[in-house]
Amino acid sequence: LKFQILKQKGFLANKPNISRADYNDIYKLKKPYEFMGQNVVLISDEYMSEYVGCCVSEGWGAVFKQTSNLKLIEKFAKTNQCSVGPIESTSDYYGFKIRSLPKGNYYELSCRERDLAQSQ
């Protein structure tokens, strides 16, 4: 996912519109965006502007509502050494309440350095 392109095309605000926490910028998409057959609703961009000790796992994540079979996105995850997992409706995603989204099954696609380490 290229953040600049998503911003240029009007899917993402120029600045995080949900939160900025623990080196993560969290964006709620401004209009529907489909990725690998799924409806992406939140994107997180994890970055490190300066080193302050530990725990930054650079990369990105996307929360999506399942709208079709997960095979395509699972294949993408495997090819790109990412992880895919369900998110409970009762959980928070960097301060964003998942239950405030329309009812459905939500998952996170995570493509961060720690996912790379876990997939090897």
C-alpha atoms as a PDB file:
ATOM      1  CA  LEU A   1       0.000   0.000   0.000  1.00  0.00           C
ATOM      2  CA  LYS A   2       1.442   3.338  -1.039  1.00  0.00           C
ATOM      3  CA  PHE A   3       0.339   6.026   1.397  1.00  0.00           C
ATOM      4  CA  GLN A   4       1.113   8.942  -0.922  1.00  0.00           C
ATOM      5  CA  ILE A   5      -1.043   7.461  -3.696  1.00  0.00           C
ATOM      6  CA  LEU A   6      -3.920   6.784  -1.271  1.00  0.00           C
ATOM      7  CA  LYS A   7      -3.668  10.399  -0.067  1.00  0.00           C
ATOM      8  CA  GLN A   8      -3.530  11.784  -3.616  1.00  0.00           C
ATOM      9  CA  LYS A   9      -6.601   9.782  -4.626  1.00  0.00           C
ATOM     10  CA  GLY A  10      -8.556  11.024  -1.608  1.00  0.00           C
ATOM     11  CA  PHE A  11      -8.785   7.739   0.347  1.00  0.00           C
ATOM     12  CA  LEU A  12      -6.693   9.059   3.251  1.00  0.00           C
ATOM     13  CA  ALA A  13      -6.489  12.427   4.977  1.00  0.00           C
ATOM     14  CA  ASN A  14      -3.082  14.127   4.832  1.00  0.00           C
ATOM     15  CA  LYS A  15      -2.765  13.762   8.603  1.00  0.00           C
ATOM     16  CA  PRO A  16      -3.922  10.825  10.774  1.00  0.00           C
ATOM     17  CA  ASN A  17      -7.649  11.329  11.386  1.00  0.00           C
ATOM     18  CA  ILE A  18      -8.035   8.753  14.182  1.00  0.00           C
ATOM     19  CA  SER A  19      -4.929   8.860  16.336  1.00  0.00           C
ATOM     20  CA  ARG A  20      -1.211   9.067  16.552  1.00  0.00           C
ATOM     21  CA  ALA A  21       0.009   6.609  19.163  1.00  0.00           C
ATOM     22  CA  ASP A  22       3.070   4.473  19.843  1.00  0.00           C
ATOM     23  CA  TYR A  23       4.737   5.402  16.538  1.00  0.00           C
ATOM     24  CA  ASN A  24       1.519   4.628  14.650  1.00  0.00           C
ATOM     25  CA  ASP A  25      -0.518   6.986  12.526  1.00  0.00           C
ATOM     26  CA  ILE A  26      -4.077   5.652  12.295  1.00  0.00           C
ATOM     27  CA  TYR A  27      -6.304   6.624   9.400  1.00  0.00           C
ATOM     28  CA  LYS A  28      -9.970   5.875   8.794  1.00  0.00           C
ATOM     29  CA  LEU A  29     -10.560   5.728   5.072  1.00  0.00           C
ATOM     30  CA  LYS A  30     -12.582   8.624   3.696  1.00  0.00           C
ATOM     31  CA  LYS A  31     -14.216   6.528   0.973  1.00  0.00           C
ATOM     32  CA  PRO A  32     -14.537   2.794   0.227  1.00  0.00           C
ATOM     33  CA  TYR A  33     -11.301   1.077  -0.751  1.00  0.00           C
ATOM     34  CA  GLU A  34     -11.096  -2.532  -1.848  1.00  0.00           C
ATOM     35  CA  PHE A  35      -7.860  -4.493  -1.478  1.00  0.00           C
ATOM     36  CA  MET A  36      -7.609  -8.139  -2.493  1.00  0.00           C
ATOM     37  CA  GLY A  37     -11.402  -8.426  -2.477  1.00  0.00           C
ATOM     38  CA  GLN A  38     -11.826  -7.007   1.040  1.00  0.00           C
ATOM     39  CA  ASN A  39     -13.219  -3.687   2.251  1.00  0.00           C
ATOM     40  CA  VAL A  40     -10.398  -1.741   3.980  1.00  0.00           C
ATOM     41  CA  VAL A  41     -11.651   0.578   6.739  1.00  0.00           C
ATOM     42  CA  LEU A  42      -8.557   1.538   8.795  1.00  0.00           C
ATOM     43  CA  ILE A  43      -4.891   1.826   7.950  1.00  0.00           C
ATOM     44  CA  SER A  44      -1.990   2.190  10.346  1.00  0.00           C
ATOM     45  CA  ASP A  45       1.426   3.414   9.354  1.00  0.00           C
ATOM     46  CA  GLU A  46       4.098   2.428  11.867  1.00  0.00           C
ATOM     47  CA  TYR A  47       7.281   4.422  11.564  1.00  0.00           C
ATOM     48  CA  MET A  48      10.282   5.593  13.511  1.00  0.00           C
ATOM     49  CA  SER A  49      11.288   9.224  13.195  1.00  0.00           C
ATOM     50  CA  GLU A  50      13.852   8.928  15.977  1.00  0.00           C
ATOM     51  CA  TYR A  51      15.086   6.062  18.110  1.00  0.00           C
ATOM     52  CA  VAL A  52      13.851   6.293  21.696  1.00  0.00           C
ATOM     53  CA  GLY A  53      14.519   2.830  23.046  1.00  0.00           C
ATOM     54  CA  CYS A  54      12.542  -0.059  21.709  1.00  0.00           C
ATOM     55  CA  CYS A  55       9.543  -1.633  20.221  1.00  0.00           C
ATOM     56  CA  VAL A  56       9.038   0.103  16.892  1.00  0.00           C
ATOM     57  CA  SER A  57       8.157  -2.396  14.213  1.00  0.00           C
ATOM     58  CA  GLU A  58       8.177  -0.375  11.024  1.00  0.00           C
ATOM     59  CA  GLY A  59       5.619  -1.138   8.351  1.00  0.00           C
ATOM     60  CA  TRP A  60       1.867  -0.874   8.006  1.00  0.00           C
ATOM     61  CA  GLY A  61      -1.380  -2.561   8.874  1.00  0.00           C
ATOM     62  CA  ALA A  62      -4.885  -2.508   7.472  1.00  0.00           C
ATOM     63  CA  VAL A  63      -8.152  -3.410   9.156  1.00  0.00           C
ATOM     64  CA  PHE A  64     -10.666  -4.789   6.713  1.00  0.00           C
ATOM     65  CA  LYS A  65     -14.228  -6.002   6.773  1.00  0.00           C
ATOM     66  CA  GLN A  66     -14.465  -9.434   5.222  1.00  0.00           C
ATOM     67  CA  THR A  67     -16.487  -9.151   2.026  1.00  0.00           C
ATOM     68  CA  SER A  68     -15.279 -12.286   0.247  1.00  0.00           C
ATOM     69  CA  ASN A  69     -13.179 -15.406   0.730  1.00  0.00           C
ATOM     70  CA  LEU A  70      -9.852 -14.689   2.474  1.00  0.00           C
ATOM     71  CA  LYS A  71      -7.756 -16.781   0.044  1.00  0.00           C
ATOM     72  CA  LEU A  72      -6.442 -13.820  -1.986  1.00  0.00           C
ATOM     73  CA  ILE A  73      -5.442 -11.731   1.007  1.00  0.00           C
ATOM     74  CA  GLU A  74      -3.918 -14.769   2.751  1.00  0.00           C
ATOM     75  CA  LYS A  75      -1.853 -15.456  -0.383  1.00  0.00           C
ATOM     76  CA  PHE A  76      -0.757 -11.791  -0.464  1.00  0.00           C
ATOM     77  CA  ALA A  77       0.201 -12.037   3.230  1.00  0.00           C
ATOM     78  CA  LYS A  78       2.227 -15.186   2.680  1.00  0.00           C
ATOM     79  CA  THR A  79       4.009 -13.786  -0.390  1.00  0.00           C
ATOM     80  CA  ASN A  80       4.851 -10.526   1.396  1.00  0.00           C
ATOM     81  CA  GLN A  81       5.615 -12.109   4.781  1.00  0.00           C
ATOM     82  CA  CYS A  82       2.685 -10.375   6.471  1.00  0.00           C
ATOM     83  CA  SER A  83       0.158 -11.790   8.916  1.00  0.00           C
ATOM     84  CA  VAL A  84      -3.656 -11.882   8.825  1.00  0.00           C
ATOM     85  CA  GLY A  85      -5.796 -12.353  11.902  1.00  0.00           C
ATOM     86  CA  PRO A  86      -9.291 -11.666  13.203  1.00  0.00           C
ATOM     87  CA  ILE A  87     -10.073  -8.645  15.359  1.00  0.00           C
ATOM     88  CA  GLU A  88     -12.709  -8.901  18.069  1.00  0.00           C
ATOM     89  CA  SER A  89     -15.529  -6.367  17.841  1.00  0.00           C
ATOM     90  CA  THR A  90     -14.923  -5.502  21.508  1.00  0.00           C
ATOM     91  CA  SER A  91     -11.281  -4.526  20.964  1.00  0.00           C
ATOM     92  CA  ASP A  92      -9.656  -1.179  20.296  1.00  0.00           C
ATOM     93  CA  TYR A  93      -7.321  -0.638  17.367  1.00  0.00           C
ATOM     94  CA  TYR A  94      -4.864   2.001  18.582  1.00  0.00           C
ATOM     95  CA  GLY A  95      -7.714   3.767  20.349  1.00  0.00           C
ATOM     96  CA  PHE A  96     -10.329   3.248  17.630  1.00  0.00           C
ATOM     97  CA  LYS A  97     -13.325   1.247  18.833  1.00  0.00           C
ATOM     98  CA  ILE A  98     -13.966  -1.584  16.363  1.00  0.00           C
ATOM     99  CA  ARG A  99     -17.584  -1.859  17.543  1.00  0.00           C
ATOM    100  CA  SER A 100     -18.254   1.607  16.055  1.00  0.00           C
ATOM    101  CA  LEU A 101     -17.845   0.076  12.573  1.00  0.00           C
ATOM    102  CA  PRO A 102     -20.774  -1.568  10.738  1.00  0.00           C
ATOM    103  CA  LYS A 103     -21.426  -5.158  11.900  1.00  0.00           C
ATOM    104  CA  GLY A 104     -19.261  -7.757  10.211  1.00  0.00           C
ATOM    105  CA  ASN A 105     -16.139  -9.866  10.511  1.00  0.00           C
ATOM    106  CA  TYR A 106     -13.005  -7.729  10.780  1.00  0.00           C
ATOM    107  CA  TYR A 107      -9.385  -8.767  10.298  1.00  0.00           C
ATOM    108  CA  GLU A 108      -6.018  -7.078  10.374  1.00  0.00           C
ATOM    109  CA  LEU A 109      -3.449  -7.501   7.646  1.00  0.00           C
ATOM    110  CA  SER A 110      -0.142  -6.585   9.289  1.00  0.00           C
ATOM    111  CA  CYS A 111       3.032  -6.015   7.264  1.00  0.00           C
ATOM    112  CA  ARG A 112       5.537  -4.879   9.855  1.00  0.00           C
ATOM    113  CA  GLU A 113       9.080  -5.951  10.684  1.00  0.00           C
ATOM    114  CA  ARG A 114       7.822  -8.224  13.493  1.00  0.00           C
ATOM    115  CA  ASP A 115       5.585 -10.072  11.008  1.00  0.00           C
ATOM    116  CA  LEU A 116       8.630 -10.678   8.822  1.00  0.00           C
ATOM    117  CA  ALA A 117      10.430 -12.246  11.797  1.00  0.00           C
ATOM    118  CA  GLN A 118       7.419 -14.437  12.681  1.00  0.00           C
ATOM    119  CA  SER A 119       6.965 -15.781   9.165  1.00  0.00           C
ATOM    120  CA  GLN A 120      10.527 -17.093   8.801  1.00  0.00           C
END
